[in-house]
């Protein structure tokens, strides 16, 4: 596989505690927050799509407000993933993907399908779900990542399914969710959720060094996406920028 690029970012860009000089300059208008954030970081995971859909013109607006080389990842709708039987999610998958994601063009990164901790691994069900995920939409290539939160997914059968369908398994740095570090696609996806309020950069220097090394190692096999998401969210931008400095 070819050497990939490393993208580092945060979840979303609208968060009040980031304003007033914490991340956004004090005099920056809220309308320009995406413009600013996309020039401090190399990627952003769009979280709002987990809760609602957006019009094609909104996706185009996000594309136009960000610089060349910037990439968005997109969290899939909870109405698709939070269901009893994933094999029946076909219509929901189509509706989610058809809302206008293709307007991002080459700024469209992976789509993250997040499952609740109560969703347990069932090989037949997950296999049926993965068959529903298309590889393209309106000629725009799609990459899929699965964020699972039940320890039942720490199963070689799950890893084999992911490899078969060439989808990534999200590496979660979290106190309760399973940490699965299995290369199953031609890209990797990590979500860092242990940032600490008392640490100026969210993660301590040693931890940031470790994640930088892991990102570099993953990039040897394809693009590597790393997002500082939860924990002390107010520290996420500082942690992401500190990680970018190390890379």
Protein backbone atom coordinates (compact mmCIF):
# COMPACT_ATOMS: atom_id res chain seq x y z
CA UNK A 1 0.00 0.00 0.00
CA UNK A 2 1.09 3.57 -0.68
CA UNK A 3 2.15 5.96 2.07
CA UNK A 4 -0.90 7.86 3.25
CA UNK A 5 -1.52 11.30 4.68
CA UNK A 6 -2.24 12.04 8.33
CA UNK A 7 -5.29 14.13 9.19
CA UNK A 8 -5.81 15.47 12.70
CA UNK A 9 -8.82 17.32 14.01
CA UNK A 10 -11.72 17.70 16.39
CA UNK A 11 -15.43 16.87 16.49
CA UNK A 12 -17.52 19.70 15.10
CA UNK A 13 -16.62 23.38 15.20
CA UNK A 14 -19.54 24.99 17.07
CA UNK A 15 -18.80 24.85 20.79
CA UNK A 16 -19.20 27.84 23.12
CA UNK A 17 -16.24 27.03 25.45
CA UNK A 18 -13.88 27.33 22.46
CA UNK A 19 -14.80 30.99 22.02
CA UNK A 20 -13.41 34.09 23.70
CA UNK A 21 -9.77 33.30 23.04
CA UNK A 22 -9.68 29.65 24.18
CA UNK A 23 -9.48 28.47 20.57
CA UNK A 24 -11.31 31.05 18.51
CA UNK A 25 -10.06 34.66 18.66
CA UNK A 26 -12.20 36.93 20.83
CA UNK A 27 -13.31 39.08 17.91
CA UNK A 28 -14.13 36.19 15.54
CA UNK A 29 -17.77 36.00 14.43
CA UNK A 30 -19.48 32.64 14.78
CA UNK A 31 -20.10 32.57 11.03
CA UNK A 32 -16.35 32.34 10.47
CA UNK A 33 -15.60 29.56 12.97
CA UNK A 34 -15.37 26.80 10.35
CA UNK A 35 -13.16 29.01 8.19
CA UNK A 36 -10.81 29.54 11.14
CA UNK A 37 -10.84 25.97 12.51
CA UNK A 38 -10.13 24.46 9.09
CA UNK A 39 -6.96 26.53 8.86
CA UNK A 40 -5.70 25.47 12.28
CA UNK A 41 -6.41 21.76 11.81
CA UNK A 42 -6.34 19.35 8.88
CA UNK A 43 -9.71 17.65 9.40
CA UNK A 44 -12.99 17.88 11.31
CA UNK A 45 -15.45 15.14 12.13
CA UNK A 46 -18.95 16.46 11.43
CA UNK A 47 -21.05 15.36 14.41
CA UNK A 48 -24.30 17.18 13.64
CA UNK A 49 -25.13 14.59 10.99
CA UNK A 50 -25.59 12.03 13.76
CA UNK A 51 -28.69 13.92 14.89
CA UNK A 52 -30.12 15.50 11.73
CA UNK A 53 -29.70 15.85 7.97
CA UNK A 54 -28.56 18.86 5.95
CA UNK A 55 -29.37 20.27 2.53
CA UNK A 56 -26.93 19.91 -0.42
CA UNK A 57 -26.25 23.66 -0.38
CA UNK A 58 -25.06 23.39 3.22
CA UNK A 59 -22.56 20.69 2.28
CA UNK A 60 -21.37 22.85 -0.61
CA UNK A 61 -21.00 25.82 1.77
CA UNK A 62 -18.82 23.77 4.12
CA UNK A 63 -16.70 22.71 1.14
CA UNK A 64 -16.21 26.27 -0.03
CA UNK A 65 -15.32 27.64 3.42
CA UNK A 66 -12.40 25.26 3.88
CA UNK A 67 -8.96 25.25 2.22
CA UNK A 68 -7.61 22.84 -0.35
CA UNK A 69 -6.35 19.64 1.24
CA UNK A 70 -8.76 19.85 4.17
CA UNK A 71 -10.94 16.79 4.75
CA UNK A 72 -14.19 16.18 6.64
CA UNK A 73 -15.21 12.89 8.13
CA UNK A 74 -18.93 12.44 8.66
CA UNK A 75 -20.73 10.70 11.51
CA UNK A 76 -23.61 8.64 10.17
CA UNK A 77 -27.17 9.08 11.37
CA UNK A 78 -28.18 7.50 14.67
CA UNK A 79 -31.46 6.54 13.00
CA UNK A 80 -29.43 4.15 10.85
CA UNK A 81 -27.19 2.61 13.48
CA UNK A 82 -29.39 2.63 16.60
CA UNK A 83 -31.82 -0.05 15.50
CA UNK A 84 -32.63 -3.58 16.59
CA UNK A 85 -31.82 -5.20 13.24
CA UNK A 86 -29.08 -3.59 11.16
CA UNK A 87 -29.96 -5.81 8.20
CA UNK A 88 -33.07 -3.67 7.76
CA UNK A 89 -31.16 -0.37 7.53
CA UNK A 90 -31.00 -0.19 3.72
CA UNK A 91 -33.49 2.63 3.20
CA UNK A 92 -31.97 4.62 6.07
CA UNK A 93 -28.45 4.21 4.64
CA UNK A 94 -29.62 5.48 1.25
CA UNK A 95 -31.42 8.44 2.81
CA UNK A 96 -28.39 9.43 4.86
CA UNK A 97 -25.92 9.16 1.99
CA UNK A 98 -28.29 10.89 -0.42
CA UNK A 99 -28.61 14.14 1.54
CA UNK A 100 -25.68 15.81 -0.24
CA UNK A 101 -22.39 14.38 1.06
CA UNK A 102 -21.10 14.21 -2.52
CA UNK A 103 -21.03 18.03 -2.57
CA UNK A 104 -17.86 17.83 -0.45
CA UNK A 105 -16.04 16.30 -3.42
CA UNK A 106 -12.42 15.50 -2.60
CA UNK A 107 -12.94 16.93 0.88
CA UNK A 108 -15.11 13.96 1.84
CA UNK A 109 -13.21 11.65 4.16
CA UNK A 110 -14.49 8.53 5.96
CA UNK A 111 -18.04 8.01 7.15
CA UNK A 112 -18.12 6.84 10.75
CA UNK A 113 -20.92 4.46 11.71
CA UNK A 114 -21.20 4.58 15.50
CA UNK A 115 -23.05 1.88 17.41
CA UNK A 116 -24.37 2.01 20.96
CA UNK A 117 -22.67 -0.01 23.67
CA UNK A 118 -25.79 -2.17 23.87
CA UNK A 119 -25.34 -3.35 20.27
CA UNK A 120 -23.61 -6.73 20.52
CA UNK A 121 -21.72 -8.46 17.76
CA UNK A 122 -23.75 -10.77 15.57
CA UNK A 123 -21.79 -11.94 12.54
CA UNK A 124 -24.81 -12.50 10.32
CA UNK A 125 -26.40 -9.16 11.19
CA UNK A 126 -23.18 -7.17 10.79
CA UNK A 127 -22.37 -8.93 7.54
CA UNK A 128 -25.79 -7.98 6.16
CA UNK A 129 -25.27 -4.38 7.25
CA UNK A 130 -21.86 -4.10 5.62
CA UNK A 131 -23.35 -5.26 2.33
CA UNK A 132 -25.61 -2.20 2.46
CA UNK A 133 -22.70 0.27 2.44
CA UNK A 134 -21.92 1.46 -1.10
CA UNK A 135 -18.41 2.21 -2.34
CA UNK A 136 -19.44 5.36 -4.22
CA UNK A 137 -22.21 7.91 -4.36
CA UNK A 138 -22.64 10.00 -7.51
CA UNK A 139 -19.10 9.02 -8.60
CA UNK A 140 -17.70 10.16 -5.24
CA UNK A 141 -15.71 7.36 -3.54
CA UNK A 142 -16.81 6.38 -0.05
CA UNK A 143 -14.78 5.04 2.85
CA UNK A 144 -16.51 3.53 5.85
CA UNK A 145 -15.40 3.14 9.49
CA UNK A 146 -17.20 1.28 12.28
CA UNK A 147 -17.13 2.53 15.85
CA UNK A 148 -18.29 -0.31 18.07
CA UNK A 149 -18.70 0.04 21.81
CA UNK A 150 -19.50 -3.45 23.06
CA UNK A 151 -16.61 -5.76 24.08
CA UNK A 152 -18.35 -8.53 22.13
CA UNK A 153 -16.81 -7.02 18.98
CA UNK A 154 -13.33 -8.04 20.10
CA UNK A 155 -13.76 -11.09 17.93
CA UNK A 156 -11.64 -12.34 14.99
CA UNK A 157 -14.88 -12.97 13.08
CA UNK A 158 -15.64 -9.25 13.24
CA UNK A 159 -12.15 -8.35 12.06
CA UNK A 160 -12.48 -10.77 9.15
CA UNK A 161 -15.82 -9.23 8.17
CA UNK A 162 -14.33 -5.74 8.24
CA UNK A 163 -11.42 -6.86 6.05
CA UNK A 164 -13.74 -8.60 3.63
CA UNK A 165 -15.72 -5.38 3.12
CA UNK A 166 -12.65 -3.12 3.41
CA UNK A 167 -14.02 -1.00 6.21
CA UNK A 168 -11.95 0.36 9.07
CA UNK A 169 -12.57 -0.32 12.74
CA UNK A 170 -12.35 2.86 14.80
CA UNK A 171 -9.60 2.78 17.41
CA UNK A 172 -11.20 4.26 20.53
CA UNK A 173 -9.06 5.71 23.30
CA UNK A 174 -11.67 5.54 26.06
CA UNK A 175 -12.00 4.25 29.60
CA UNK A 176 -14.97 1.98 28.87
CA UNK A 177 -15.13 1.20 25.15
CA UNK A 178 -13.05 -1.66 23.73
CA UNK A 179 -9.74 -0.68 22.17
CA UNK A 180 -9.50 -2.51 18.86
CA UNK A 181 -6.31 -1.87 16.92
CA UNK A 182 -6.83 -4.02 13.84
CA UNK A 183 -5.85 -2.91 10.31
CA UNK A 184 -8.82 -3.89 8.15
CA UNK A 185 -8.88 -1.22 5.42
CA UNK A 186 -6.55 1.02 3.43
CA UNK A 187 -6.99 3.81 6.01
CA UNK A 188 -7.22 4.08 9.79
CA UNK A 189 -9.46 6.06 12.12
CA UNK A 190 -8.81 6.91 15.78
CA UNK A 191 -10.93 8.85 18.29
CA UNK A 192 -9.12 10.15 21.38
CA UNK A 193 -11.57 10.59 24.25
CA UNK A 194 -9.40 10.95 27.33
CA UNK A 195 -8.38 14.61 27.27
CA UNK A 196 -8.00 16.16 30.71
CA UNK A 197 -9.10 19.63 31.78
CA UNK A 198 -6.05 20.10 34.01
CA UNK A 199 -3.65 19.44 31.13
CA UNK A 200 -3.21 22.49 28.89
CA UNK A 201 -2.85 20.34 25.79
CA UNK A 202 -5.56 17.90 26.85
CA UNK A 203 -3.20 14.93 26.64
CA UNK A 204 0.17 14.88 28.38
CA UNK A 205 3.28 15.21 26.20
CA UNK A 206 4.18 11.53 26.48
CA UNK A 207 0.70 10.45 25.36
CA UNK A 208 0.80 12.86 22.43
CA UNK A 209 4.18 11.48 21.41
CA UNK A 210 2.74 7.97 21.47
CA UNK A 211 -0.27 8.92 19.33
CA UNK A 212 1.97 10.71 16.86
CA UNK A 213 4.03 7.54 16.47
CA UNK A 214 0.90 5.44 16.05
CA UNK A 215 -0.46 7.80 13.40
CA UNK A 216 2.83 7.67 11.49
CA UNK A 217 2.86 3.89 11.66
CA UNK A 218 -0.74 3.67 10.42
CA UNK A 219 -0.01 6.07 7.56
CA UNK A 220 2.46 3.58 6.10
CA UNK A 221 -0.59 1.60 4.94
CA UNK A 222 -2.86 4.49 3.94
CA UNK A 223 -4.46 7.70 5.21
CA UNK A 224 -4.62 8.06 8.98
CA UNK A 225 -7.41 10.05 10.65
CA UNK A 226 -7.10 11.09 14.30
CA UNK A 227 -9.74 13.10 16.16
CA UNK A 228 -9.66 14.48 19.70
CA UNK A 229 -13.32 14.19 20.56
CA UNK A 230 -14.48 13.87 24.14
CA UNK A 231 -13.14 13.95 27.66
CA UNK A 232 -12.42 17.61 28.48
CA UNK A 233 -13.78 18.85 25.15
CA UNK A 234 -12.59 22.40 25.78
CA UNK A 235 -9.03 21.07 25.44
CA UNK A 236 -9.65 19.23 22.15
CA UNK A 237 -8.34 21.95 19.79
CA UNK A 238 -5.17 22.39 21.85
CA UNK A 239 -4.59 18.63 21.87
CA UNK A 240 -5.14 18.39 18.12
CA UNK A 241 -2.76 21.25 17.39
CA UNK A 242 -0.13 19.78 19.71
CA UNK A 243 -0.42 16.49 17.85
CA UNK A 244 -0.12 18.24 14.49
CA UNK A 245 3.08 19.94 15.71
CA UNK A 246 4.57 16.53 16.45
CA UNK A 247 3.72 15.32 12.97
